[in-house]
Amino acid sequence: MQNLLQPLADAGFVPLVLIRHGQTASNKERRFVGRMDVPLNETGRQQASSLATRLGGMRRQALYSSHLSRAVETARSLGEPVTVGELQELNQGDWEGRPGHEVMAEFPDFFAQWVKDPATMRVPGGETLAECQQRAVQALEGLLSEHAPADPVVVVSHQMVIHTVVLNALGLPLRQVRKLKQGNTAVNLLGYREGEWRVCRINDLDHLD
């Protein structure tokens, strides 16, 4: 992993290892989770342990995570993180805690529109994907600007946050979000340099093989 990141640092980019949290019971049940503070389940803890085996010896400058417990617990498999509220999951409002199939059956028109334009469709009581992207990218760029192009910065966050960050880094519109995959404890390798992003790897789950 360190060998993959070194070329970024050599080119003046701050290397970023961006990780999704481990599995929760709500993930397994395919519920909308959003800002609900749910812990890892046993599978999630095993995933975090496998992640630690893979990355535990990697040198790093800093370790950050969303303040939600599923992200903090995953990050703690690597060390003690600094929590950042802006890295929490998309606010899914009135749907949080509800099964996905139930909500999609109840609000078919919303989901038909969301497929066409997820950037501006607001979850009832929640936020738009564009709002999520704005706060997450701004937070990450602020954090990474405080670090040098040297050892990587490690961040543990959430599926939709990571999707929006990756799309921003690739220069792609948010309507492409459904084409991305992000498994639990997926590792993504990016670099940041004064407003410029570079993407090296997405949804790497080799530690779970």
N, C-alpha and C. Protein backbone atom coordinates (compact mmCIF):
# COMPACT_ATOMS: atom_id res chain seq x y z
N MET A 1 0.83 -1.21 0.00
CA MET A 1 0.00 0.00 0.00
C MET A 1 0.86 1.26 0.00
N GLN A 2 1.90 1.26 0.85
CA GLN A 2 2.78 2.41 0.92
C GLN A 2 3.43 2.68 -0.45
N ASN A 3 3.79 1.60 -1.17
CA ASN A 3 4.42 1.76 -2.48
C ASN A 3 3.47 2.40 -3.50
N LEU A 4 2.18 2.13 -3.36
CA LEU A 4 1.20 2.73 -4.27
C LEU A 4 1.02 4.21 -4.01
N LEU A 5 1.22 4.62 -2.75
CA LEU A 5 0.99 6.01 -2.36
C LEU A 5 2.21 6.90 -2.55
N GLN A 6 3.40 6.29 -2.55
CA GLN A 6 4.61 7.10 -2.64
C GLN A 6 4.68 7.97 -3.90
N PRO A 7 4.27 7.46 -5.07
CA PRO A 7 4.29 8.33 -6.26
C PRO A 7 3.43 9.59 -6.10
N LEU A 8 2.33 9.49 -5.35
CA LEU A 8 1.51 10.67 -5.11
C LEU A 8 2.30 11.72 -4.33
N ALA A 9 2.93 11.28 -3.25
CA ALA A 9 3.73 12.20 -2.44
C ALA A 9 4.87 12.79 -3.27
N ASP A 10 5.51 11.98 -4.09
CA ASP A 10 6.61 12.46 -4.92
C ASP A 10 6.16 13.53 -5.90
N ALA A 11 4.87 13.46 -6.31
CA ALA A 11 4.32 14.45 -7.24
C ALA A 11 3.73 15.66 -6.52
N GLY A 12 3.87 15.71 -5.20
CA GLY A 12 3.38 16.86 -4.45
C GLY A 12 1.97 16.74 -3.94
N PHE A 13 1.38 15.54 -4.05
CA PHE A 13 0.03 15.33 -3.53
C PHE A 13 0.10 14.78 -2.10
N VAL A 14 -0.86 15.18 -1.28
CA VAL A 14 -1.01 14.57 0.04
C VAL A 14 -1.78 13.27 -0.16
N PRO A 15 -1.19 12.12 0.12
CA PRO A 15 -1.90 10.85 -0.09
C PRO A 15 -3.04 10.69 0.93
N LEU A 16 -4.18 10.23 0.44
CA LEU A 16 -5.36 10.00 1.28
C LEU A 16 -5.81 8.56 1.15
N VAL A 17 -5.92 7.88 2.29
CA VAL A 17 -6.51 6.54 2.35
C VAL A 17 -7.91 6.74 2.93
N LEU A 18 -8.93 6.61 2.10
CA LEU A 18 -10.31 6.89 2.48
C LEU A 18 -11.05 5.56 2.59
N ILE A 19 -11.58 5.28 3.78
CA ILE A 19 -12.11 3.95 4.10
C ILE A 19 -13.58 4.04 4.53
N ARG A 20 -14.38 3.13 4.03
CA ARG A 20 -15.75 3.02 4.55
C ARG A 20 -15.73 2.18 5.82
N HIS A 21 -16.64 2.48 6.75
CA HIS A 21 -16.74 1.73 8.00
C HIS A 21 -17.15 0.29 7.77
N GLY A 22 -16.99 -0.53 8.79
CA GLY A 22 -17.39 -1.93 8.72
C GLY A 22 -18.90 -2.11 8.76
N GLN A 23 -19.33 -3.34 8.58
CA GLN A 23 -20.76 -3.65 8.49
C GLN A 23 -21.49 -3.43 9.82
N THR A 24 -22.74 -2.98 9.71
CA THR A 24 -23.64 -2.88 10.86
C THR A 24 -24.86 -3.76 10.59
N ALA A 25 -25.66 -3.99 11.62
CA ALA A 25 -26.89 -4.76 11.43
C ALA A 25 -27.81 -4.07 10.43
N SER A 26 -27.84 -2.73 10.46
CA SER A 26 -28.68 -1.98 9.53
C SER A 26 -28.22 -2.15 8.10
N ASN A 27 -26.89 -2.20 7.88
CA ASN A 27 -26.38 -2.47 6.53
C ASN A 27 -26.86 -3.83 6.06
N LYS A 28 -26.74 -4.84 6.91
CA LYS A 28 -27.12 -6.20 6.53
C LYS A 28 -28.61 -6.29 6.23
N GLU A 29 -29.42 -5.53 6.96
CA GLU A 29 -30.86 -5.53 6.77
C GLU A 29 -31.30 -4.57 5.67
N ARG A 30 -30.33 -3.87 5.07
CA ARG A 30 -30.58 -2.92 3.99
C ARG A 30 -31.56 -1.83 4.40
N ARG A 31 -31.28 -1.25 5.54
CA ARG A 31 -32.06 -0.12 6.04
C ARG A 31 -31.35 1.19 5.73
N PHE A 32 -32.13 2.26 5.63
CA PHE A 32 -31.54 3.59 5.56
C PHE A 32 -30.96 3.90 6.94
N VAL A 33 -29.70 4.28 6.98
CA VAL A 33 -29.04 4.51 8.26
C VAL A 33 -28.76 5.99 8.49
N GLY A 34 -28.08 6.62 7.52
CA GLY A 34 -27.81 8.06 7.63
C GLY A 34 -27.07 8.41 8.90
N ARG A 35 -27.66 9.30 9.69
CA ARG A 35 -27.00 9.79 10.89
C ARG A 35 -27.37 9.03 12.16
N MET A 36 -28.10 7.93 12.01
CA MET A 36 -28.33 7.07 13.17
C MET A 36 -26.98 6.56 13.67
N ASP A 37 -26.82 6.50 14.98
CA ASP A 37 -25.54 6.09 15.54
C ASP A 37 -25.61 4.62 15.92
N VAL A 38 -25.30 3.77 14.94
CA VAL A 38 -25.38 2.32 15.15
C VAL A 38 -23.97 1.74 15.19
N PRO A 39 -23.76 0.71 16.01
CA PRO A 39 -22.42 0.11 16.13
C PRO A 39 -22.16 -0.91 15.04
N LEU A 40 -20.92 -1.34 14.94
CA LEU A 40 -20.59 -2.46 14.07
C LEU A 40 -21.24 -3.73 14.60
N ASN A 41 -21.59 -4.64 13.70
CA ASN A 41 -21.99 -5.97 14.13
C ASN A 41 -20.74 -6.87 14.16
N GLU A 42 -20.91 -8.14 14.43
CA GLU A 42 -19.76 -9.03 14.54
C GLU A 42 -18.99 -9.11 13.23
N THR A 43 -19.71 -9.16 12.12
CA THR A 43 -19.03 -9.17 10.82
C THR A 43 -18.23 -7.89 10.63
N GLY A 44 -18.80 -6.77 11.01
CA GLY A 44 -18.11 -5.49 10.89
C GLY A 44 -16.85 -5.44 11.72
N ARG A 45 -16.90 -6.02 12.91
CA ARG A 45 -15.70 -6.04 13.75
C ARG A 45 -14.62 -6.95 13.14
N GLN A 46 -15.04 -8.06 12.54
CA GLN A 46 -14.08 -8.93 11.86
C GLN A 46 -13.47 -8.22 10.65
N GLN A 47 -14.30 -7.47 9.92
CA GLN A 47 -13.78 -6.70 8.79
C GLN A 47 -12.76 -5.66 9.25
N ALA A 48 -13.06 -4.98 10.36
CA ALA A 48 -12.13 -3.99 10.89
C ALA A 48 -10.82 -4.63 11.31
N SER A 49 -10.91 -5.83 11.87
CA SER A 49 -9.70 -6.55 12.26
C SER A 49 -8.85 -6.91 11.04
N SER A 50 -9.52 -7.33 9.96
CA SER A 50 -8.80 -7.65 8.73
C SER A 50 -8.17 -6.40 8.13
N LEU A 51 -8.88 -5.29 8.22
CA LEU A 51 -8.34 -4.01 7.76
C LEU A 51 -7.09 -3.65 8.55
N ALA A 52 -7.14 -3.85 9.85
CA ALA A 52 -5.99 -3.53 10.70
C ALA A 52 -4.79 -4.41 10.36
N THR A 53 -5.05 -5.68 10.06
CA THR A 53 -3.96 -6.56 9.66
C THR A 53 -3.28 -6.05 8.40
N ARG A 54 -4.08 -5.52 7.49
CA ARG A 54 -3.54 -5.01 6.23
C ARG A 54 -2.83 -3.68 6.38
N LEU A 55 -3.42 -2.75 7.16
CA LEU A 55 -2.93 -1.38 7.20
C LEU A 55 -2.24 -1.01 8.51
N GLY A 56 -2.30 -1.89 9.51
CA GLY A 56 -1.81 -1.53 10.83
C GLY A 56 -0.35 -1.11 10.86
N GLY A 57 0.47 -1.65 9.97
CA GLY A 57 1.88 -1.30 9.97
C GLY A 57 2.22 -0.16 9.03
N MET A 58 1.23 0.41 8.37
CA MET A 58 1.48 1.48 7.41
C MET A 58 1.76 2.80 8.13
N ARG A 59 2.81 3.48 7.74
CA ARG A 59 3.09 4.80 8.31
C ARG A 59 2.00 5.78 7.88
N ARG A 60 1.67 6.71 8.74
CA ARG A 60 0.65 7.71 8.40
C ARG A 60 0.95 9.01 9.14
N GLN A 61 0.40 10.10 8.61
CA GLN A 61 0.52 11.40 9.25
C GLN A 61 -0.57 11.63 10.29
N ALA A 62 -1.78 11.15 9.97
CA ALA A 62 -2.93 11.42 10.83
C ALA A 62 -4.02 10.41 10.55
N LEU A 63 -4.93 10.27 11.53
CA LEU A 63 -6.08 9.37 11.41
C LEU A 63 -7.33 10.14 11.83
N TYR A 64 -8.28 10.27 10.90
CA TYR A 64 -9.53 10.97 11.16
C TYR A 64 -10.71 10.03 10.91
N SER A 65 -11.85 10.35 11.53
CA SER A 65 -13.07 9.60 11.21
C SER A 65 -14.28 10.49 11.44
N SER A 66 -15.38 10.09 10.81
CA SER A 66 -16.69 10.61 11.20
C SER A 66 -16.88 10.36 12.69
N HIS A 67 -17.72 11.18 13.33
CA HIS A 67 -17.94 11.00 14.77
C HIS A 67 -18.92 9.88 15.08
N LEU A 68 -19.58 9.32 14.07
CA LEU A 68 -20.54 8.24 14.32
C LEU A 68 -19.81 6.97 14.72
N SER A 69 -20.40 6.20 15.64
CA SER A 69 -19.67 5.11 16.29
C SER A 69 -19.20 4.04 15.34
N ARG A 70 -19.94 3.76 14.27
CA ARG A 70 -19.51 2.72 13.34
C ARG A 70 -18.21 3.12 12.63
N ALA A 71 -18.02 4.41 12.39
CA ALA A 71 -16.78 4.88 11.79
C ALA A 71 -15.66 4.93 12.82
N VAL A 72 -15.97 5.42 14.01
CA VAL A 72 -14.96 5.51 15.07
C VAL A 72 -14.44 4.12 15.43
N GLU A 73 -15.35 3.16 15.56
CA GLU A 73 -14.94 1.80 15.93
C GLU A 73 -14.04 1.19 14.85
N THR A 74 -14.38 1.44 13.59
CA THR A 74 -13.53 0.95 12.50
C THR A 74 -12.16 1.61 12.55
N ALA A 75 -12.15 2.92 12.74
CA ALA A 75 -10.88 3.65 12.80
C ALA A 75 -10.03 3.19 13.97
N ARG A 76 -10.64 2.85 15.08
CA ARG A 76 -9.88 2.45 16.27
C ARG A 76 -9.16 1.12 16.07
N SER A 77 -9.52 0.38 15.03
CA SER A 77 -8.72 -0.81 14.73
C SER A 77 -7.33 -0.42 14.24
N LEU A 78 -7.18 0.85 13.84
CA LEU A 78 -5.89 1.37 13.35
C LEU A 78 -5.21 2.30 14.34
N GLY A 79 -5.97 2.88 15.26
CA GLY A 79 -5.42 3.84 16.22
C GLY A 79 -6.54 4.70 16.76
N GLU A 80 -6.18 5.76 17.47
CA GLU A 80 -7.20 6.66 18.03
C GLU A 80 -7.43 7.82 17.07
N PRO A 81 -8.64 7.91 16.48
CA PRO A 81 -8.87 8.94 15.47
C PRO A 81 -9.28 10.29 16.07
N VAL A 82 -9.07 11.33 15.29
CA VAL A 82 -9.68 12.64 15.53
C VAL A 82 -11.01 12.64 14.78
N THR A 83 -12.11 12.93 15.45
CA THR A 83 -13.42 12.86 14.80
C THR A 83 -13.77 14.21 14.16
N VAL A 84 -14.46 14.11 13.03
CA VAL A 84 -14.84 15.28 12.24
C VAL A 84 -16.31 15.14 11.86
N GLY A 85 -17.16 15.99 12.40
CA GLY A 85 -18.60 15.88 12.19
C GLY A 85 -19.03 16.00 10.74
N GLU A 86 -18.29 16.80 9.95
CA GLU A 86 -18.66 17.01 8.55
C GLU A 86 -18.49 15.76 7.69
N LEU A 87 -17.84 14.74 8.24
CA LEU A 87 -17.63 13.50 7.50
C LEU A 87 -18.70 12.45 7.79
N GLN A 88 -19.76 12.84 8.53
CA GLN A 88 -20.83 11.89 8.81
C GLN A 88 -21.65 11.61 7.54
N GLU A 89 -22.45 10.56 7.60
CA GLU A 89 -23.18 10.09 6.43
C GLU A 89 -24.23 11.11 5.97
N LEU A 90 -24.67 10.94 4.72
CA LEU A 90 -25.79 11.71 4.17
C LEU A 90 -26.96 11.67 5.15
N ASN A 91 -27.52 12.83 5.44
CA ASN A 91 -28.69 12.92 6.31
C ASN A 91 -29.89 12.37 5.55
N GLN A 92 -30.41 11.22 5.96
CA GLN A 92 -31.50 10.56 5.27
C GLN A 92 -32.85 10.79 5.95
N GLY A 93 -32.87 11.78 6.83
CA GLY A 93 -34.10 12.34 7.36
C GLY A 93 -35.12 11.35 7.87
N ASP A 94 -36.35 11.48 7.36
CA ASP A 94 -37.48 10.70 7.86
C ASP A 94 -37.36 9.21 7.55
N TRP A 95 -36.43 8.84 6.66
CA TRP A 95 -36.32 7.45 6.26
C TRP A 95 -35.35 6.65 7.11
N GLU A 96 -34.61 7.30 7.95
CA GLU A 96 -33.58 6.59 8.72
C GLU A 96 -34.19 5.51 9.61
N GLY A 97 -33.61 4.34 9.54
CA GLY A 97 -34.10 3.19 10.30
C GLY A 97 -35.10 2.34 9.56
N ARG A 98 -35.60 2.83 8.41
CA ARG A 98 -36.62 2.08 7.67
C ARG A 98 -35.98 1.19 6.61
N PRO A 99 -36.56 0.02 6.32
CA PRO A 99 -36.03 -0.85 5.27
C PRO A 99 -36.11 -0.18 3.91
N GLY A 100 -35.09 -0.37 3.10
CA GLY A 100 -35.05 0.25 1.80
C GLY A 100 -36.20 -0.13 0.90
N HIS A 101 -36.56 -1.42 0.87
CA HIS A 101 -37.63 -1.87 -0.02
C HIS A 101 -38.96 -1.23 0.35
N GLU A 102 -39.18 -1.00 1.64
CA GLU A 102 -40.42 -0.38 2.12
C GLU A 102 -40.51 1.07 1.67
N VAL A 103 -39.41 1.79 1.81
CA VAL A 103 -39.40 3.21 1.43
C VAL A 103 -39.53 3.36 -0.08
N MET A 104 -38.86 2.51 -0.85
CA MET A 104 -38.92 2.62 -2.30
C MET A 104 -40.33 2.30 -2.82
N ALA A 105 -41.02 1.40 -2.15
CA ALA A 105 -42.39 1.09 -2.54
C ALA A 105 -43.34 2.24 -2.20
N GLU A 106 -43.04 2.95 -1.12
CA GLU A 106 -43.91 4.04 -0.67
C GLU A 106 -43.68 5.33 -1.44
N PHE A 107 -42.46 5.53 -1.95
CA PHE A 107 -42.12 6.78 -2.63
C PHE A 107 -41.51 6.51 -4.02
N PRO A 108 -42.25 5.82 -4.89
CA PRO A 108 -41.67 5.47 -6.20
C PRO A 108 -41.31 6.68 -7.06
N ASP A 109 -42.12 7.74 -6.99
CA ASP A 109 -41.85 8.92 -7.81
C ASP A 109 -40.54 9.60 -7.39
N PHE A 110 -40.31 9.65 -6.10
CA PHE A 110 -39.06 10.25 -5.61
C PHE A 110 -37.86 9.49 -6.16
N PHE A 111 -37.89 8.18 -6.08
CA PHE A 111 -36.73 7.40 -6.51
C PHE A 111 -36.55 7.44 -8.02
N ALA A 112 -37.66 7.57 -8.77
CA ALA A 112 -37.54 7.73 -10.23
C ALA A 112 -36.82 9.03 -10.55
N GLN A 113 -37.14 10.08 -9.81
CA GLN A 113 -36.47 11.37 -10.02
C GLN A 113 -35.04 11.34 -9.49
N TRP A 114 -34.82 10.62 -8.40
CA TRP A 114 -33.48 10.55 -7.81
C TRP A 114 -32.50 9.89 -8.78
N VAL A 115 -32.97 8.87 -9.51
CA VAL A 115 -32.12 8.21 -10.49
C VAL A 115 -31.67 9.21 -11.56
N LYS A 116 -32.59 10.12 -11.95
CA LYS A 116 -32.27 11.11 -12.98
C LYS A 116 -31.39 12.23 -12.45
N ASP A 117 -31.66 12.68 -11.23
CA ASP A 117 -30.94 13.84 -10.70
C ASP A 117 -30.79 13.74 -9.18
N PRO A 118 -29.87 12.90 -8.71
CA PRO A 118 -29.70 12.73 -7.26
C PRO A 118 -29.10 13.96 -6.57
N ALA A 119 -28.51 14.84 -7.34
CA ALA A 119 -27.83 15.99 -6.74
C ALA A 119 -28.81 16.91 -5.99
N THR A 120 -30.00 17.10 -6.53
CA THR A 120 -30.91 18.10 -5.97
C THR A 120 -32.14 17.52 -5.29
N MET A 121 -32.32 16.21 -5.34
CA MET A 121 -33.48 15.60 -4.69
C MET A 121 -33.23 15.50 -3.19
N ARG A 122 -34.10 16.13 -2.42
CA ARG A 122 -33.93 16.17 -0.97
C ARG A 122 -34.74 15.07 -0.29
N VAL A 123 -34.05 14.22 0.46
CA VAL A 123 -34.74 13.24 1.28
C VAL A 123 -35.61 14.01 2.28
N PRO A 124 -36.89 13.61 2.48
CA PRO A 124 -37.73 14.33 3.43
C PRO A 124 -37.07 14.45 4.80
N GLY A 125 -36.90 15.68 5.25
CA GLY A 125 -36.26 15.91 6.54
C GLY A 125 -34.75 15.77 6.51
N GLY A 126 -34.17 15.55 5.32
CA GLY A 126 -32.73 15.32 5.22
C GLY A 126 -32.03 16.34 4.34
N GLU A 127 -31.00 15.89 3.62
CA GLU A 127 -30.23 16.78 2.78
C GLU A 127 -30.10 16.22 1.38
N THR A 128 -29.68 17.05 0.44
CA THR A 128 -29.43 16.61 -0.92
C THR A 128 -28.03 16.02 -1.02
N LEU A 129 -27.81 15.26 -2.07
CA LEU A 129 -26.49 14.70 -2.28
C LEU A 129 -25.46 15.80 -2.56
N ALA A 130 -25.89 16.86 -3.22
CA ALA A 130 -24.99 17.99 -3.47
C ALA A 130 -24.56 18.66 -2.17
N GLU A 131 -25.48 18.77 -1.23
CA GLU A 131 -25.12 19.36 0.06
C GLU A 131 -24.13 18.47 0.81
N CYS A 132 -24.37 17.16 0.74
CA CYS A 132 -23.45 16.21 1.37
C CYS A 132 -22.06 16.33 0.75
N GLN A 133 -22.00 16.38 -0.57
CA GLN A 133 -20.72 16.50 -1.26
C GLN A 133 -19.99 17.78 -0.87
N GLN A 134 -20.71 18.87 -0.83
CA GLN A 134 -20.08 20.16 -0.53
C GLN A 134 -19.41 20.15 0.84
N ARG A 135 -20.13 19.64 1.85
CA ARG A 135 -19.55 19.67 3.20
C ARG A 135 -18.40 18.68 3.34
N ALA A 136 -18.54 17.50 2.68
CA ALA A 136 -17.50 16.49 2.81
C ALA A 136 -16.22 16.90 2.09
N VAL A 137 -16.35 17.39 0.86
CA VAL A 137 -15.16 17.80 0.10
C VAL A 137 -14.49 18.99 0.78
N GLN A 138 -15.28 19.93 1.23
CA GLN A 138 -14.71 21.09 1.92
C GLN A 138 -13.96 20.66 3.18
N ALA A 139 -14.52 19.73 3.94
CA ALA A 139 -13.86 19.26 5.16
C ALA A 139 -12.56 18.54 4.83
N LEU A 140 -12.59 17.66 3.84
CA LEU A 140 -11.38 16.92 3.49
C LEU A 140 -10.29 17.83 2.94
N GLU A 141 -10.67 18.76 2.09
CA GLU A 141 -9.66 19.67 1.54
C GLU A 141 -9.04 20.52 2.65
N GLY A 142 -9.86 20.91 3.63
CA GLY A 142 -9.32 21.65 4.77
C GLY A 142 -8.34 20.82 5.58
N LEU A 143 -8.70 19.57 5.83
CA LEU A 143 -7.81 18.68 6.59
C LEU A 143 -6.51 18.41 5.84
N LEU A 144 -6.63 18.07 4.56
CA LEU A 144 -5.46 17.69 3.79
C LEU A 144 -4.52 18.87 3.56
N SER A 145 -5.08 20.07 3.54
CA SER A 145 -4.25 21.27 3.37
C SER A 145 -3.33 21.50 4.55
N GLU A 146 -3.63 20.87 5.68
CA GLU A 146 -2.80 21.02 6.88
C GLU A 146 -1.65 20.02 6.91
N HIS A 147 -1.58 19.15 5.91
CA HIS A 147 -0.56 18.10 5.90
C HIS A 147 0.34 18.22 4.68
N ALA A 148 1.52 17.63 4.80
CA ALA A 148 2.52 17.69 3.75
C ALA A 148 2.38 16.49 2.81
N PRO A 149 2.93 16.61 1.59
CA PRO A 149 2.96 15.45 0.69
C PRO A 149 4.01 14.45 1.14
N ALA A 150 3.61 13.64 2.10
CA ALA A 150 4.54 12.68 2.72
C ALA A 150 3.78 11.38 2.97
N ASP A 151 3.80 10.89 4.21
CA ASP A 151 3.02 9.70 4.53
C ASP A 151 1.53 10.00 4.41
N PRO A 152 0.69 8.97 4.20
CA PRO A 152 -0.73 9.22 3.95
C PRO A 152 -1.50 9.71 5.17
N VAL A 153 -2.60 10.38 4.88
CA VAL A 153 -3.63 10.70 5.86
C VAL A 153 -4.72 9.65 5.70
N VAL A 154 -5.18 9.08 6.81
CA VAL A 154 -6.20 8.03 6.78
C VAL A 154 -7.51 8.59 7.32
N VAL A 155 -8.60 8.35 6.60
CA VAL A 155 -9.92 8.86 6.98
C VAL A 155 -10.94 7.73 6.87
N VAL A 156 -11.75 7.55 7.91
CA VAL A 156 -12.84 6.56 7.89
C VAL A 156 -14.17 7.31 7.85
N SER A 157 -14.98 7.01 6.85
CA SER A 157 -16.25 7.72 6.68
C SER A 157 -17.33 6.74 6.23
N HIS A 158 -18.24 7.20 5.36
CA HIS A 158 -19.46 6.47 5.03
C HIS A 158 -19.66 6.37 3.52
N GLN A 159 -20.54 5.46 3.12
CA GLN A 159 -20.71 5.13 1.71
C GLN A 159 -21.03 6.34 0.84
N MET A 160 -22.10 7.07 1.16
CA MET A 160 -22.51 8.17 0.29
C MET A 160 -21.50 9.32 0.33
N VAL A 161 -20.92 9.57 1.47
CA VAL A 161 -19.87 10.59 1.56
C VAL A 161 -18.72 10.22 0.63
N ILE A 162 -18.27 8.98 0.70
CA ILE A 162 -17.14 8.55 -0.13
C ILE A 162 -17.51 8.60 -1.61
N HIS A 163 -18.72 8.18 -1.96
CA HIS A 163 -19.16 8.29 -3.35
C HIS A 163 -19.03 9.72 -3.86
N THR A 164 -19.51 10.68 -3.08
CA THR A 164 -19.49 12.07 -3.55
C THR A 164 -18.07 12.60 -3.64
N VAL A 165 -17.20 12.20 -2.73
CA VAL A 165 -15.81 12.65 -2.77
C VAL A 165 -15.10 12.08 -4.00
N VAL A 166 -15.33 10.79 -4.27
CA VAL A 166 -14.69 10.16 -5.43
C VAL A 166 -15.19 10.79 -6.73
N LEU A 167 -16.49 11.03 -6.84
CA LEU A 167 -17.02 11.65 -8.05
C LEU A 167 -16.44 13.05 -8.25
N ASN A 168 -16.32 13.80 -7.17
CA ASN A 168 -15.69 15.12 -7.26
C ASN A 168 -14.25 15.01 -7.75
N ALA A 169 -13.52 14.04 -7.18
CA ALA A 169 -12.12 13.86 -7.55
C ALA A 169 -11.98 13.45 -9.02
N LEU A 170 -12.94 12.69 -9.53
CA LEU A 170 -12.91 12.25 -10.92
C LEU A 170 -13.48 13.29 -11.88
N GLY A 171 -14.08 14.34 -11.34
CA GLY A 171 -14.71 15.35 -12.17
C GLY A 171 -15.99 14.88 -12.83
N LEU A 172 -16.69 13.96 -12.17
CA LEU A 172 -17.92 13.39 -12.71
C LEU A 172 -19.14 13.94 -11.98
N PRO A 173 -20.30 14.03 -12.66
CA PRO A 173 -21.51 14.53 -12.02
C PRO A 173 -22.09 13.54 -11.02
N LEU A 174 -22.86 14.03 -10.09
CA LEU A 174 -23.44 13.17 -9.06
C LEU A 174 -24.43 12.16 -9.62
N ARG A 175 -24.95 12.38 -10.80
CA ARG A 175 -25.87 11.38 -11.38
C ARG A 175 -25.17 10.06 -11.69
N GLN A 176 -23.85 10.05 -11.64
CA GLN A 176 -23.10 8.81 -11.84
C GLN A 176 -22.97 7.99 -10.56
N VAL A 177 -23.56 8.45 -9.48
CA VAL A 177 -23.34 7.83 -8.18
C VAL A 177 -23.74 6.36 -8.15
N ARG A 178 -24.75 5.98 -8.89
CA ARG A 178 -25.22 4.60 -8.86
C ARG A 178 -24.25 3.63 -9.54
N LYS A 179 -23.28 4.15 -10.26
CA LYS A 179 -22.30 3.29 -10.92
C LYS A 179 -21.14 2.91 -10.00
N LEU A 180 -21.06 3.57 -8.85
CA LEU A 180 -19.97 3.30 -7.91
C LEU A 180 -20.37 2.20 -6.93
N LYS A 181 -19.39 1.46 -6.48
CA LYS A 181 -19.58 0.46 -5.44
C LYS A 181 -18.66 0.82 -4.27
N GLN A 182 -19.09 0.50 -3.07
CA GLN A 182 -18.30 0.79 -1.89
C GLN A 182 -18.68 -0.20 -0.79
N GLY A 183 -17.93 -1.31 -0.73
CA GLY A 183 -18.20 -2.32 0.28
C GLY A 183 -17.76 -1.86 1.67
N ASN A 184 -18.22 -2.57 2.67
CA ASN A 184 -17.81 -2.24 4.04
C ASN A 184 -16.32 -2.47 4.22
N THR A 185 -15.64 -1.50 4.77
CA THR A 185 -14.18 -1.39 4.95
C THR A 185 -13.43 -1.30 3.63
N ALA A 186 -14.11 -0.89 2.55
CA ALA A 186 -13.43 -0.66 1.28
C ALA A 186 -12.38 0.43 1.45
N VAL A 187 -11.24 0.24 0.78
CA VAL A 187 -10.12 1.18 0.82
C VAL A 187 -10.06 1.91 -0.52
N ASN A 188 -9.95 3.24 -0.46
CA ASN A 188 -9.84 4.09 -1.64
C ASN A 188 -8.57 4.92 -1.51
N LEU A 189 -7.78 5.00 -2.57
CA LEU A 189 -6.52 5.74 -2.55
C LEU A 189 -6.64 6.96 -3.45
N LEU A 190 -6.47 8.12 -2.85
CA LEU A 190 -6.57 9.39 -3.56
C LEU A 190 -5.39 10.28 -3.18
N GLY A 191 -5.24 11.36 -3.92
CA GLY A 191 -4.25 12.37 -3.58
C GLY A 191 -4.85 13.76 -3.75
N TYR A 192 -4.38 14.72 -2.95
CA TYR A 192 -4.89 16.09 -3.02
C TYR A 192 -3.73 17.08 -3.01
N ARG A 193 -3.84 18.07 -3.91
CA ARG A 193 -2.80 19.10 -4.00
C ARG A 193 -3.43 20.42 -4.46
N GLU A 194 -3.61 21.36 -3.53
CA GLU A 194 -4.06 22.71 -3.84
C GLU A 194 -5.24 22.75 -4.81
N GLY A 195 -6.33 22.07 -4.43
CA GLY A 195 -7.53 22.08 -5.25
C GLY A 195 -7.58 21.02 -6.33
N GLU A 196 -6.51 20.28 -6.50
CA GLU A 196 -6.43 19.23 -7.53
C GLU A 196 -6.48 17.86 -6.86
N TRP A 197 -7.28 16.97 -7.45
CA TRP A 197 -7.42 15.62 -6.92
C TRP A 197 -6.89 14.59 -7.91
N ARG A 198 -6.45 13.48 -7.38
CA ARG A 198 -6.05 12.35 -8.20
C ARG A 198 -6.61 11.08 -7.54
N VAL A 199 -7.11 10.15 -8.36
CA VAL A 199 -7.68 8.90 -7.86
C VAL A 199 -6.82 7.75 -8.35
N CYS A 200 -6.37 6.91 -7.43
CA CYS A 200 -5.52 5.77 -7.77
C CYS A 200 -6.24 4.43 -7.65
N ARG A 201 -7.15 4.32 -6.68
CA ARG A 201 -7.81 3.03 -6.46
C ARG A 201 -9.15 3.27 -5.77
N ILE A 202 -10.16 2.49 -6.16
CA ILE A 202 -11.52 2.63 -5.61
C ILE A 202 -12.02 1.26 -5.17
N ASN A 203 -12.66 1.22 -4.00
CA ASN A 203 -13.35 0.01 -3.53
C ASN A 203 -12.46 -1.21 -3.46
N ASP A 204 -11.28 -1.03 -2.89
CA ASP A 204 -10.32 -2.12 -2.73
C ASP A 204 -10.70 -2.92 -1.47
N LEU A 205 -11.03 -4.19 -1.68
CA LEU A 205 -11.45 -5.07 -0.58
C LEU A 205 -10.55 -6.29 -0.47
N ASP A 206 -9.30 -6.16 -0.90
CA ASP A 206 -8.39 -7.30 -0.91
C ASP A 206 -8.20 -7.92 0.47
N HIS A 207 -8.33 -7.13 1.52
CA HIS A 207 -8.12 -7.66 2.87
C HIS A 207 -9.24 -8.60 3.32
N LEU A 208 -10.33 -8.63 2.59
CA LEU A 208 -11.46 -9.51 2.94
C LEU A 208 -11.46 -10.79 2.14
N ASP A 209 -10.51 -10.98 1.26
CA ASP A 209 -10.45 -12.21 0.46
C ASP A 209 -10.16 -13.42 1.33
